[in-house]
């Protein structure tokens, strides 16, 4: 009997000794079960309206989803209704970055201090684009003299190809204000694609747009190359580049840049690049915009005070 009592006492002592340990394990399990993982950082990227909004979203969304997953962030695309919105939206919509065109990139660098990181390189090895001035082949327009009294389809006052280049073209021909004194009518289409289509379909006599959109549209509409004639071309400027606002940490900028630059070494990345229409992404710096800054200065535009609102 005494032996049994001693054994019972020993077991009770052991139980009370390990009870706090069991309770601690239970608390740790409960804490683990109730712990909420922190949400992934969220950044909003603006997208310019080169094409119709549906086409832009369809083209860029897979790319953004890839970068989001690899970087461990949530990237939301905000497709802007027009080029001129981009500076306003950075402020009012609190955008964190955007795929800037060459003019909007130069504008954002000067006005907001954005940091460019990368841009696509196309299958032909180029990472730039140029502006075009074009007419219908049956229009009878062959030079600037033939343009007098005609209708001109610009794109937007915040584009290089669709505004800055044709403005420079007319100025070098001794016509500083073609939209007020030389042309019968000029209007803004809002997209490069619409400027091309308006000339193609006879709404405008002359148009200006970027070559990448011109030839991309020609892939699905053969009339673009069969019925349109290019009268002038601009110097090359950087293709649409991703740039981040100054408040985005350099660590995150560098992570996204590394992912983009490494896409061509990843089978999934290469498949997405093919779908996007690029061979790879290459690094972009502020110095790549020097041709735009020089162009702007020659035309006489002060980017710090430039009014990019269309009228």
Protein backbone atom coordinates (compact mmCIF):
# COMPACT_ATOMS: atom_id res chain seq x y z
CA UNK A 1 0.00 0.00 0.00
CA UNK A 2 2.78 2.41 0.95
CA UNK A 3 4.56 1.67 -2.32
CA UNK A 4 1.42 2.40 -4.33
CA UNK A 5 0.90 5.69 -2.46
CA UNK A 6 4.48 6.72 -3.16
CA UNK A 7 4.04 5.98 -6.89
CA UNK A 8 0.81 7.99 -6.95
CA UNK A 9 2.47 10.92 -5.22
CA UNK A 10 5.36 10.79 -7.68
CA UNK A 11 3.00 10.84 -10.70
CA UNK A 12 1.06 13.78 -9.28
CA UNK A 13 4.27 15.72 -8.74
CA UNK A 14 5.39 15.04 -12.32
CA UNK A 15 1.97 16.10 -13.66
CA UNK A 16 2.05 19.42 -11.84
CA UNK A 17 5.60 20.01 -13.00
CA UNK A 18 4.81 19.54 -16.72
CA UNK A 19 1.38 21.24 -16.58
CA UNK A 20 2.85 24.75 -17.14
CA UNK A 21 4.82 23.39 -20.09
CA UNK A 22 1.69 21.88 -21.65
CA UNK A 23 -0.20 25.10 -21.05
CA UNK A 24 2.62 27.07 -22.70
CA UNK A 25 2.56 24.82 -25.77
CA UNK A 26 -1.21 25.28 -25.99
CA UNK A 27 -0.85 29.06 -25.81
CA UNK A 28 1.83 28.99 -28.51
CA UNK A 29 -0.43 26.88 -30.74
CA UNK A 30 -3.35 29.28 -30.23
CA UNK A 31 -1.09 32.26 -30.96
CA UNK A 32 0.13 30.56 -34.14
CA UNK A 33 -3.42 29.79 -35.25
CA UNK A 34 -4.66 33.34 -34.63
CA UNK A 35 -1.60 35.18 -36.00
CA UNK A 36 -2.46 37.23 -39.13
CA UNK A 37 0.23 37.44 -41.78
CA UNK A 38 0.99 41.04 -42.81
CA UNK A 39 -0.57 42.09 -46.12
CA UNK A 40 1.73 42.41 -49.11
CA UNK A 41 2.73 46.00 -49.93
CA UNK A 42 0.41 47.59 -52.51
CA UNK A 43 1.60 49.91 -55.24
CA UNK A 44 -0.42 51.56 -58.00
CA UNK A 45 1.08 51.90 -61.49
CA UNK A 46 -0.36 54.25 -64.12
CA UNK A 47 -0.63 53.25 -67.76
CA UNK A 48 -0.83 55.66 -70.69
CA UNK A 49 -3.52 55.26 -73.39
CA UNK A 50 -1.42 54.30 -76.43
CA UNK A 51 -4.24 52.05 -77.62
CA UNK A 52 -7.80 51.52 -76.48
CA UNK A 53 -8.05 50.85 -72.75
CA UNK A 54 -9.05 47.19 -73.12
CA UNK A 55 -6.02 46.44 -75.31
CA UNK A 56 -3.68 48.22 -72.90
CA UNK A 57 -5.01 46.28 -69.91
CA UNK A 58 -4.81 42.96 -71.77
CA UNK A 59 -1.22 43.62 -72.81
CA UNK A 60 0.20 44.81 -69.49
CA UNK A 61 -1.75 42.80 -66.89
CA UNK A 62 0.17 39.48 -67.30
CA UNK A 63 3.45 41.39 -66.98
CA UNK A 64 2.27 43.14 -63.82
CA UNK A 65 0.97 39.87 -62.32
CA UNK A 66 4.37 38.24 -62.91
CA UNK A 67 6.27 41.06 -61.21
CA UNK A 68 3.77 41.15 -58.33
CA UNK A 69 4.24 37.47 -57.60
CA UNK A 70 8.03 37.55 -57.88
CA UNK A 71 8.42 40.71 -55.77
CA UNK A 72 5.87 39.76 -53.11
CA UNK A 73 3.88 42.96 -53.65
CA UNK A 74 0.41 43.74 -54.93
CA UNK A 75 0.61 45.88 -58.07
CA UNK A 76 -2.58 47.52 -59.29
CA UNK A 77 -2.83 48.96 -62.79
CA UNK A 78 -4.62 52.26 -63.27
CA UNK A 79 -5.25 52.98 -66.94
CA UNK A 80 -5.38 56.71 -67.51
CA UNK A 81 -7.92 58.29 -69.82
CA UNK A 82 -5.39 60.60 -71.48
CA UNK A 83 -1.68 61.43 -71.46
CA UNK A 84 -2.08 64.79 -69.78
CA UNK A 85 -3.67 63.16 -66.74
CA UNK A 86 -0.48 61.53 -65.60
CA UNK A 87 0.98 64.35 -63.51
CA UNK A 88 -2.42 65.19 -61.97
CA UNK A 89 -3.06 61.55 -61.18
CA UNK A 90 0.27 61.13 -59.47
CA UNK A 91 -0.85 63.77 -57.04
CA UNK A 92 -4.61 63.24 -56.76
CA UNK A 93 -4.68 59.44 -57.12
CA UNK A 94 -1.42 58.92 -55.21
CA UNK A 95 0.18 56.82 -57.92
CA UNK A 96 3.43 55.09 -57.06
CA UNK A 97 4.75 54.75 -60.58
CA UNK A 98 3.87 54.57 -64.26
CA UNK A 99 4.95 53.34 -67.65
CA UNK A 100 5.91 56.78 -68.96
CA UNK A 101 6.31 57.77 -72.58
CA UNK A 102 9.39 59.79 -73.47
CA UNK A 103 7.75 63.20 -73.07
CA UNK A 104 5.71 62.32 -69.97
CA UNK A 105 8.83 60.69 -68.52
CA UNK A 106 10.88 63.83 -69.05
CA UNK A 107 8.01 65.91 -67.65
CA UNK A 108 7.66 63.70 -64.54
CA UNK A 109 11.42 63.69 -63.92
CA UNK A 110 11.47 67.49 -63.91
CA UNK A 111 8.20 68.10 -62.06
CA UNK A 112 8.19 65.22 -59.54
CA UNK A 113 11.64 63.65 -59.47
CA UNK A 114 10.47 60.19 -60.57
CA UNK A 115 13.15 57.52 -60.97
CA UNK A 116 13.14 55.52 -64.26
CA UNK A 117 14.25 51.90 -63.91
CA UNK A 118 13.57 49.79 -67.02
CA UNK A 119 12.06 49.69 -70.51
CA UNK A 120 11.40 46.96 -73.09
CA UNK A 121 13.76 46.06 -75.88
CA UNK A 122 11.87 44.98 -78.99
CA UNK A 123 12.59 41.84 -81.05
CA UNK A 124 14.59 43.91 -83.56
CA UNK A 125 16.98 45.00 -80.80
CA UNK A 126 15.69 48.56 -80.42
CA UNK A 127 14.53 50.07 -77.14
CA UNK A 128 13.48 53.39 -78.62
CA UNK A 129 10.77 54.72 -80.90
CA UNK A 130 10.35 57.63 -83.27
CA UNK A 131 7.49 59.88 -84.31
CA UNK A 132 5.89 59.88 -87.74
CA UNK A 133 3.90 62.40 -89.74
CA UNK A 134 1.73 60.59 -92.28
CA UNK A 135 -1.03 61.16 -94.83
CA UNK A 136 -3.13 59.03 -97.13
CA UNK A 137 -1.27 58.13 -100.32
CA UNK A 138 -4.17 59.48 -102.37
CA UNK A 139 -4.33 62.80 -100.47
CA UNK A 140 -2.01 64.73 -102.80
CA UNK A 141 -0.07 66.01 -99.75
CA UNK A 142 3.68 65.71 -100.30
CA UNK A 143 5.23 68.51 -98.23
CA UNK A 144 4.50 71.20 -95.65
CA UNK A 145 3.15 73.60 -98.30
CA UNK A 146 0.47 71.05 -99.20
CA UNK A 147 -0.58 70.88 -95.54
CA UNK A 148 -1.89 74.45 -95.43
CA UNK A 149 -5.60 74.55 -94.73
CA UNK A 150 -5.76 70.83 -93.92
CA UNK A 151 -6.99 68.88 -90.88
CA UNK A 152 -4.31 67.49 -88.56
CA UNK A 153 -4.88 64.75 -85.94
CA UNK A 154 -2.52 65.27 -82.99
CA UNK A 155 -2.42 62.76 -80.12
CA UNK A 156 -1.92 64.74 -76.92
CA UNK A 157 0.10 67.70 -75.68
CA UNK A 158 2.04 65.35 -73.39
CA UNK A 159 3.50 63.13 -76.14
CA UNK A 160 6.72 63.36 -78.12
CA UNK A 161 5.53 61.65 -81.30
CA UNK A 162 2.00 63.02 -81.26
CA UNK A 163 2.69 66.65 -80.35
CA UNK A 164 6.30 67.69 -79.70
CA UNK A 165 7.65 66.26 -82.96
CA UNK A 166 5.05 67.77 -85.32
CA UNK A 167 5.38 71.08 -83.45
CA UNK A 168 9.14 70.95 -84.05
CA UNK A 169 8.57 69.94 -87.68
CA UNK A 170 6.42 73.00 -88.42
CA UNK A 171 8.71 75.35 -86.47
CA UNK A 172 11.74 74.31 -88.54
CA UNK A 173 9.66 75.09 -91.64
CA UNK A 174 9.07 78.65 -90.38
CA UNK A 175 5.56 77.95 -89.01
CA UNK A 176 5.71 78.42 -85.20
CA UNK A 177 1.96 78.11 -84.53
CA UNK A 178 0.48 75.73 -87.11
CA UNK A 179 -2.53 74.89 -84.97
CA UNK A 180 -3.67 78.52 -84.80
CA UNK A 181 -2.65 80.08 -88.10
CA UNK A 182 -1.76 77.48 -90.71
CA UNK A 183 -3.98 74.45 -90.44
CA UNK A 184 -7.71 74.53 -91.09
CA UNK A 185 -8.34 72.33 -88.06
CA UNK A 186 -6.33 70.38 -85.51
CA UNK A 187 -7.66 68.21 -82.73
CA UNK A 188 -6.43 65.68 -80.18
CA UNK A 189 -7.39 62.03 -80.59
CA UNK A 190 -6.11 60.92 -77.16
CA UNK A 191 -4.34 57.80 -78.49
CA UNK A 192 -1.76 57.11 -81.18
CA UNK A 193 -3.98 54.38 -82.57
CA UNK A 194 -6.89 56.77 -83.08
CA UNK A 195 -4.69 59.33 -84.82
CA UNK A 196 -3.64 56.65 -87.31
CA UNK A 197 -7.19 55.41 -87.83
CA UNK A 198 -8.57 58.93 -88.29
CA UNK A 199 -6.21 59.58 -91.21
CA UNK A 200 -6.75 56.11 -92.61
CA UNK A 201 -10.53 56.58 -92.55
CA UNK A 202 -10.53 60.14 -93.88
CA UNK A 203 -11.51 62.07 -90.75
CA UNK A 204 -8.16 63.91 -90.84
CA UNK A 205 -5.80 64.76 -93.71
CA UNK A 206 -2.59 64.49 -91.68
CA UNK A 207 -1.66 62.65 -88.51
CA UNK A 208 1.22 62.07 -86.12
CA UNK A 209 1.93 59.00 -84.00
CA UNK A 210 4.72 56.72 -82.79
CA UNK A 211 6.15 54.06 -85.08
CA UNK A 212 5.64 51.18 -82.62
CA UNK A 213 1.88 51.69 -82.56
CA UNK A 214 1.78 52.33 -86.32
CA UNK A 215 3.41 49.01 -87.18
CA UNK A 216 1.63 47.08 -84.42
CA UNK A 217 -1.69 48.26 -85.86
CA UNK A 218 -0.48 47.33 -89.36
CA UNK A 219 -0.15 43.70 -88.21
CA UNK A 220 -3.94 43.46 -87.91
CA UNK A 221 -4.96 46.06 -90.52
CA UNK A 222 -2.95 45.86 -93.74
CA UNK A 223 -4.47 49.15 -94.96
CA UNK A 224 -2.11 51.01 -92.61
CA UNK A 225 0.94 50.31 -94.79
CA UNK A 226 -0.95 49.99 -98.06
CA UNK A 227 -2.83 53.29 -97.87
CA UNK A 228 -0.73 55.59 -95.66
CA UNK A 229 2.47 57.41 -96.59
CA UNK A 230 5.07 58.65 -94.09
CA UNK A 231 6.33 62.17 -94.82
CA UNK A 232 8.65 62.80 -91.86
CA UNK A 233 10.26 61.00 -88.92
CA UNK A 234 11.66 62.25 -85.61
CA UNK A 235 14.89 61.28 -83.82
CA UNK A 236 14.67 58.18 -81.63
CA UNK A 237 13.64 58.56 -77.98
CA UNK A 238 13.26 56.01 -75.11
CA UNK A 239 10.39 53.54 -75.35
CA UNK A 240 7.76 53.61 -72.59
CA UNK A 241 9.71 53.08 -69.36
CA UNK A 242 8.64 52.09 -65.87
CA UNK A 243 9.51 54.77 -63.34
CA UNK A 244 8.71 55.05 -59.65
CA UNK A 245 7.85 58.06 -57.53
CA UNK A 246 10.60 59.31 -55.24
CA UNK A 247 8.79 58.03 -52.12
CA UNK A 248 9.14 54.37 -53.18
CA UNK A 249 12.08 52.80 -51.27
CA UNK A 250 15.16 52.13 -53.36
CA UNK A 251 15.10 48.51 -52.16
CA UNK A 252 11.70 47.96 -53.79
CA UNK A 253 12.72 49.80 -56.96
CA UNK A 254 15.82 47.63 -57.23
CA UNK A 255 13.82 44.44 -56.62
CA UNK A 256 11.36 45.25 -59.41
CA UNK A 257 14.19 46.27 -61.75
CA UNK A 258 16.03 43.00 -61.07
CA UNK A 259 12.88 40.99 -61.83
CA UNK A 260 12.25 42.84 -65.10
CA UNK A 261 15.86 42.59 -66.25
CA UNK A 262 15.89 38.88 -65.40
CA UNK A 263 12.70 37.92 -67.25
CA UNK A 264 14.58 36.83 -70.35
CA UNK A 265 16.51 34.25 -68.28
CA UNK A 266 13.32 32.66 -66.91
CA UNK A 267 11.18 30.33 -69.11
CA UNK A 268 7.94 31.81 -67.76
CA UNK A 269 9.34 35.31 -68.16
CA UNK A 270 10.37 34.67 -71.76
CA UNK A 271 6.87 33.43 -72.60
CA UNK A 272 5.35 36.60 -71.12
CA UNK A 273 7.84 38.79 -72.98
CA UNK A 274 6.87 37.10 -76.24
CA UNK A 275 3.20 37.80 -75.50
CA UNK A 276 4.05 41.39 -74.57
CA UNK A 277 5.99 41.82 -77.83
CA UNK A 278 9.45 42.39 -76.34
CA UNK A 279 12.73 40.49 -76.30
CA UNK A 280 13.79 41.64 -72.84
CA UNK A 281 13.81 44.61 -70.46
CA UNK A 282 16.89 46.84 -70.18
CA UNK A 283 17.91 49.39 -67.57
CA UNK A 284 16.69 52.97 -68.06
CA UNK A 285 18.23 56.06 -66.45
CA UNK A 286 17.49 59.77 -66.46
CA UNK A 287 20.31 60.26 -68.97
CA UNK A 288 18.36 58.29 -71.57
CA UNK A 289 15.95 61.23 -71.76
CA UNK A 290 18.61 63.71 -72.86
CA UNK A 291 17.36 63.71 -76.50
CA UNK A 292 13.90 64.68 -75.24
CA UNK A 293 15.27 67.44 -73.01
CA UNK A 294 17.25 68.82 -75.97
CA UNK A 295 14.20 68.61 -78.25
CA UNK A 296 12.06 70.40 -75.67
CA UNK A 297 14.62 73.17 -75.28
CA UNK A 298 14.86 73.65 -79.04
CA UNK A 299 11.09 74.02 -79.34
CA UNK A 300 11.09 76.48 -76.44
CA UNK A 301 9.12 74.57 -73.81
CA UNK A 302 9.87 74.95 -70.09
CA UNK A 303 8.95 71.60 -68.53
CA UNK A 304 8.76 73.09 -65.04
CA UNK A 305 5.84 75.30 -66.06
CA UNK A 306 4.51 73.44 -69.11
CA UNK A 307 0.73 73.44 -69.49
CA UNK A 308 -0.05 70.01 -70.91
CA UNK A 309 -3.83 70.40 -70.86
CA UNK A 310 -5.27 69.90 -74.34
CA UNK A 311 -7.43 72.61 -75.84
